[in-house]
Amino acid sequence: MSTHAPHISSPSRVPASASPSGDGIVVGGGPVAVDAFIDFLCPFCKQFEATSGPILDELVAEGAITLVYHPMGFLDDLSTTRYSSRASAASGCASDGGDFVEYLYMLFARQPPEGGWRACPTTNWSNSGARWDWRTVRSPRASGRAHTWAGAPT
């Protein structure tokens, strides 16, 4: 057994609006910090967002809180495509475009079942009418915009 603390390396690239520690996406700028640890495949995370999201949005809009979302991939084993990690990484690309919250809502609205197959978390919204160019998020590796940050803390 080692007596040395494990070394956790920081990701080489973090998304726009990343927290100072690089492990979350900052929404708002109020004096009270609220951290939400989410997995886009988690039905309880979806339920939390559905019930608490509007209240959190209101508090952000009023400048009362700084909301930090921490996308994680703890349910990757319940998908055949590592959906959780892929959706988390793609959320970083959405953040780069200033559309993290819109992307978060869309993913939870179109959440696949645990254990189900989903080709790609970005195919869920290719026809969603989003205002950003979905092709840059759909293939972030091809565009050189891939984020590995979401898998780092999980």
C-alpha atoms as a PDB file:
ATOM      1  CA  MET A   1       0.000   0.000   0.000  1.00  0.00           C
ATOM      2  CA  SER A   2       1.348   3.400  -0.970  1.00  0.00           C
ATOM      3  CA  THR A   3       1.536   6.199   1.556  1.00  0.00           C
ATOM      4  CA  HIS A   4       1.688   8.833  -1.175  1.00  0.00           C
ATOM      5  CA  ALA A   5      -1.391  10.750  -2.184  1.00  0.00           C
ATOM      6  CA  PRO A   6      -2.466   9.988  -5.756  1.00  0.00           C
ATOM      7  CA  HIS A   7      -1.595  12.616  -8.324  1.00  0.00           C
ATOM      8  CA  ILE A   8      -4.619  13.904 -10.168  1.00  0.00           C
ATOM      9  CA  SER A   9      -3.650  15.797 -13.267  1.00  0.00           C
ATOM     10  CA  SER A  10      -5.592  18.784 -14.458  1.00  0.00           C
ATOM     11  CA  PRO A  11      -7.139  18.595 -17.900  1.00  0.00           C
ATOM     12  CA  SER A  12      -5.164  20.338 -20.632  1.00  0.00           C
ATOM     13  CA  ARG A  13      -8.215  22.188 -21.935  1.00  0.00           C
ATOM     14  CA  VAL A  14     -11.226  23.434 -20.013  1.00  0.00           C
ATOM     15  CA  PRO A  15     -14.395  24.955 -21.428  1.00  0.00           C
ATOM     16  CA  ALA A  16     -15.411  28.570 -21.411  1.00  0.00           C
ATOM     17  CA  SER A  17     -17.087  29.521 -18.138  1.00  0.00           C
ATOM     18  CA  ALA A  18     -15.172  26.799 -16.283  1.00  0.00           C
ATOM     19  CA  SER A  19     -14.830  27.187 -12.529  1.00  0.00           C
ATOM     20  CA  PRO A  20     -11.418  28.281 -11.208  1.00  0.00           C
ATOM     21  CA  SER A  21     -10.666  24.651 -10.320  1.00  0.00           C
ATOM     22  CA  GLY A  22     -11.640  23.624 -13.854  1.00  0.00           C
ATOM     23  CA  ASP A  23     -14.122  20.960 -12.785  1.00  0.00           C
ATOM     24  CA  GLY A  24     -17.419  22.733 -13.396  1.00  0.00           C
ATOM     25  CA  ILE A  25     -19.300  25.249 -15.523  1.00  0.00           C
ATOM     26  CA  VAL A  26     -20.133  28.528 -13.789  1.00  0.00           C
ATOM     27  CA  VAL A  27     -23.560  30.054 -14.366  1.00  0.00           C
ATOM     28  CA  GLY A  28     -24.238  33.444 -12.824  1.00  0.00           C
ATOM     29  CA  GLY A  29     -22.179  35.475 -10.424  1.00  0.00           C
ATOM     30  CA  GLY A  30     -23.976  35.856  -7.120  1.00  0.00           C
ATOM     31  CA  PRO A  31     -22.439  35.837  -3.639  1.00  0.00           C
ATOM     32  CA  VAL A  32     -23.680  32.358  -2.661  1.00  0.00           C
ATOM     33  CA  ALA A  33     -22.139  29.326  -4.384  1.00  0.00           C
ATOM     34  CA  VAL A  34     -24.364  26.382  -5.269  1.00  0.00           C
ATOM     35  CA  ASP A  35     -22.734  23.257  -6.721  1.00  0.00           C
ATOM     36  CA  ALA A  36     -24.739  20.698  -8.698  1.00  0.00           C
ATOM     37  CA  PHE A  37     -23.041  17.394  -9.555  1.00  0.00           C
ATOM     38  CA  ILE A  38     -24.874  15.902 -12.509  1.00  0.00           C
ATOM     39  CA  ASP A  39     -24.753  12.962 -14.884  1.00  0.00           C
ATOM     40  CA  PHE A  40     -26.786  13.450 -18.053  1.00  0.00           C
ATOM     41  CA  LEU A  41     -27.905   9.814 -17.914  1.00  0.00           C
ATOM     42  CA  CYS A  42     -29.039   9.961 -14.272  1.00  0.00           C
ATOM     43  CA  PRO A  43     -32.843   9.959 -13.858  1.00  0.00           C
ATOM     44  CA  PHE A  44     -32.510  11.499 -10.397  1.00  0.00           C
ATOM     45  CA  CYS A  45     -30.368  14.305 -11.821  1.00  0.00           C
ATOM     46  CA  LYS A  46     -33.083  14.868 -14.413  1.00  0.00           C
ATOM     47  CA  GLN A  47     -35.699  14.961 -11.668  1.00  0.00           C
ATOM     48  CA  PHE A  48     -33.587  17.385  -9.626  1.00  0.00           C
ATOM     49  CA  GLU A  49     -33.201  19.677 -12.632  1.00  0.00           C
ATOM     50  CA  ALA A  50     -36.920  19.508 -13.437  1.00  0.00           C
ATOM     51  CA  THR A  51     -37.976  20.445  -9.907  1.00  0.00           C
ATOM     52  CA  SER A  52     -35.133  22.720  -8.788  1.00  0.00           C
ATOM     53  CA  GLY A  53     -33.911  24.107 -12.112  1.00  0.00           C
ATOM     54  CA  PRO A  54     -36.517  26.887 -12.410  1.00  0.00           C
ATOM     55  CA  ILE A  55     -35.810  28.075  -8.860  1.00  0.00           C
ATOM     56  CA  LEU A  56     -32.054  27.977  -9.443  1.00  0.00           C
ATOM     57  CA  ASP A  57     -32.507  29.864 -12.739  1.00  0.00           C
ATOM     58  CA  GLU A  58     -34.490  32.536 -10.920  1.00  0.00           C
ATOM     59  CA  LEU A  59     -31.826  32.886  -8.222  1.00  0.00           C
ATOM     60  CA  VAL A  60     -29.122  33.169 -10.902  1.00  0.00           C
ATOM     61  CA  ALA A  61     -31.159  35.803 -12.781  1.00  0.00           C
ATOM     62  CA  GLU A  62     -31.600  37.791  -9.556  1.00  0.00           C
ATOM     63  CA  GLY A  63     -27.841  37.659  -8.920  1.00  0.00           C
ATOM     64  CA  ALA A  64     -28.360  35.795  -5.644  1.00  0.00           C
ATOM     65  CA  ILE A  65     -26.261  32.712  -6.466  1.00  0.00           C
ATOM     66  CA  THR A  66     -23.381  31.449  -8.528  1.00  0.00           C
ATOM     67  CA  LEU A  67     -24.431  28.040  -9.817  1.00  0.00           C
ATOM     68  CA  VAL A  68     -21.642  25.635 -10.718  1.00  0.00           C
ATOM     69  CA  TYR A  69     -22.625  22.522 -12.661  1.00  0.00           C
ATOM     70  CA  HIS A  70     -20.199  19.619 -12.425  1.00  0.00           C
ATOM     71  CA  PRO A  71     -20.989  17.252 -15.335  1.00  0.00           C
ATOM     72  CA  MET A  72     -19.803  13.765 -14.492  1.00  0.00           C
ATOM     73  CA  GLY A  73     -19.763  10.319 -16.042  1.00  0.00           C
ATOM     74  CA  PHE A  74     -20.573   8.045 -13.130  1.00  0.00           C
ATOM     75  CA  LEU A  75     -23.227   6.122 -15.091  1.00  0.00           C
ATOM     76  CA  ASP A  76     -21.046   5.216 -18.082  1.00  0.00           C
ATOM     77  CA  ASP A  77     -21.320   1.536 -17.169  1.00  0.00           C
ATOM     78  CA  LEU A  78     -25.084   1.737 -17.714  1.00  0.00           C
ATOM     79  CA  SER A  79     -24.728   2.659 -21.367  1.00  0.00           C
ATOM     80  CA  THR A  80     -23.163   0.896 -24.309  1.00  0.00           C
ATOM     81  CA  THR A  81     -21.561   4.114 -25.580  1.00  0.00           C
ATOM     82  CA  ARG A  82     -20.135   5.885 -22.497  1.00  0.00           C
ATOM     83  CA  TYR A  83     -23.043   8.271 -22.930  1.00  0.00           C
ATOM     84  CA  SER A  84     -22.463  10.067 -19.624  1.00  0.00           C
ATOM     85  CA  SER A  85     -18.847  11.005 -20.322  1.00  0.00           C
ATOM     86  CA  ARG A  86     -19.557  11.872 -23.930  1.00  0.00           C
ATOM     87  CA  ALA A  87     -22.486  14.107 -22.975  1.00  0.00           C
ATOM     88  CA  SER A  88     -20.382  15.764 -20.275  1.00  0.00           C
ATOM     89  CA  ALA A  89     -17.544  16.412 -22.712  1.00  0.00           C
ATOM     90  CA  ALA A  90     -19.972  17.780 -25.296  1.00  0.00           C
ATOM     91  CA  SER A  91     -21.436  20.080 -22.644  1.00  0.00           C
ATOM     92  CA  GLY A  92     -18.010  21.701 -22.487  1.00  0.00           C
ATOM     93  CA  CYS A  93     -18.269  22.450 -26.191  1.00  0.00           C
ATOM     94  CA  ALA A  94     -21.747  23.892 -25.639  1.00  0.00           C
ATOM     95  CA  SER A  95     -20.260  26.072 -22.898  1.00  0.00           C
ATOM     96  CA  ASP A  96     -17.646  27.304 -25.366  1.00  0.00           C
ATOM     97  CA  GLY A  97     -20.559  28.570 -27.457  1.00  0.00           C
ATOM     98  CA  GLY A  98     -22.273  30.152 -24.457  1.00  0.00           C
ATOM     99  CA  ASP A  99     -25.081  27.615 -24.528  1.00  0.00           C
ATOM    100  CA  PHE A 100     -24.358  25.249 -21.653  1.00  0.00           C
ATOM    101  CA  VAL A 101     -27.698  25.736 -19.870  1.00  0.00           C
ATOM    102  CA  GLU A 102     -29.723  25.304 -23.062  1.00  0.00           C
ATOM    103  CA  TYR A 103     -27.771  22.121 -23.828  1.00  0.00           C
ATOM    104  CA  LEU A 104     -28.291  20.831 -20.278  1.00  0.00           C
ATOM    105  CA  TYR A 105     -32.063  21.304 -20.553  1.00  0.00           C
ATOM    106  CA  MET A 106     -32.189  19.610 -23.935  1.00  0.00           C
ATOM    107  CA  LEU A 107     -30.183  16.589 -22.776  1.00  0.00           C
ATOM    108  CA  PHE A 108     -32.351  16.039 -19.726  1.00  0.00           C
ATOM    109  CA  ALA A 109     -35.524  16.512 -21.799  1.00  0.00           C
ATOM    110  CA  ARG A 110     -34.338  13.821 -24.244  1.00  0.00           C
ATOM    111  CA  GLN A 111     -32.556  11.568 -21.760  1.00  0.00           C
ATOM    112  CA  PRO A 112     -32.238   7.953 -22.928  1.00  0.00           C
ATOM    113  CA  PRO A 113     -33.036   5.130 -20.504  1.00  0.00           C
ATOM    114  CA  GLU A 114     -30.255   3.693 -18.357  1.00  0.00           C
ATOM    115  CA  GLY A 115     -28.839   0.643 -20.065  1.00  0.00           C
ATOM    116  CA  GLY A 116     -30.137   1.817 -23.391  1.00  0.00           C
ATOM    117  CA  TRP A 117     -28.189   2.482 -26.516  1.00  0.00           C
ATOM    118  CA  ARG A 118     -27.698   6.000 -27.750  1.00  0.00           C
ATOM    119  CA  ALA A 119     -25.271   6.623 -30.584  1.00  0.00           C
ATOM    120  CA  CYS A 120     -24.153  10.016 -29.398  1.00  0.00           C
ATOM    121  CA  PRO A 121     -25.402  12.570 -26.871  1.00  0.00           C
ATOM    122  CA  THR A 122     -25.359  15.242 -29.549  1.00  0.00           C
ATOM    123  CA  THR A 123     -27.589  13.375 -31.982  1.00  0.00           C
ATOM    124  CA  ASN A 124     -30.411  14.060 -29.521  1.00  0.00           C
ATOM    125  CA  TRP A 125     -30.569  17.678 -30.512  1.00  0.00           C
ATOM    126  CA  SER A 126     -29.455  17.889 -34.097  1.00  0.00           C
ATOM    127  CA  ASN A 127     -32.920  19.163 -35.030  1.00  0.00           C
ATOM    128  CA  SER A 128     -33.698  20.955 -31.792  1.00  0.00           C
ATOM    129  CA  GLY A 129     -33.658  24.461 -33.260  1.00  0.00           C
ATOM    130  CA  ALA A 130     -30.785  25.468 -31.000  1.00  0.00           C
ATOM    131  CA  ARG A 131     -29.213  28.793 -31.889  1.00  0.00           C
ATOM    132  CA  TRP A 132     -25.642  27.457 -31.991  1.00  0.00           C
ATOM    133  CA  ASP A 133     -24.085  25.437 -34.773  1.00  0.00           C
ATOM    134  CA  TRP A 134     -24.778  21.915 -33.537  1.00  0.00           C
ATOM    135  CA  ARG A 135     -22.233  20.417 -35.948  1.00  0.00           C
ATOM    136  CA  THR A 136     -19.345  21.850 -33.906  1.00  0.00           C
ATOM    137  CA  VAL A 137     -20.588  20.010 -30.832  1.00  0.00           C
ATOM    138  CA  ARG A 138     -21.657  16.913 -32.722  1.00  0.00           C
ATOM    139  CA  SER A 139     -18.099  16.206 -33.751  1.00  0.00           C
ATOM    140  CA  PRO A 140     -15.917  18.099 -31.287  1.00  0.00           C
ATOM    141  CA  ARG A 141     -12.903  15.841 -31.942  1.00  0.00           C
ATOM    142  CA  ALA A 142     -13.001  16.570 -35.653  1.00  0.00           C
ATOM    143  CA  SER A 143     -13.119  20.297 -34.968  1.00  0.00           C
ATOM    144  CA  GLY A 144     -10.299  20.126 -32.405  1.00  0.00           C
ATOM    145  CA  ARG A 145     -12.672  21.258 -29.650  1.00  0.00           C
ATOM    146  CA  ALA A 146     -12.850  18.018 -27.679  1.00  0.00           C
ATOM    147  CA  HIS A 147     -12.872  18.327 -23.910  1.00  0.00           C
ATOM    148  CA  THR A 148     -11.418  15.706 -21.634  1.00  0.00           C
ATOM    149  CA  TRP A 149     -12.063  17.825 -18.559  1.00  0.00           C
ATOM    150  CA  ALA A 150     -15.410  16.201 -17.717  1.00  0.00           C
ATOM    151  CA  GLY A 151     -13.836  12.792 -17.169  1.00  0.00           C
ATOM    152  CA  ALA A 152     -10.990  14.122 -15.054  1.00  0.00           C
ATOM    153  CA  PRO A 153     -12.796  14.414 -11.686  1.00  0.00           C
ATOM    154  CA  THR A 154     -14.918  11.298 -12.112  1.00  0.00           C
END
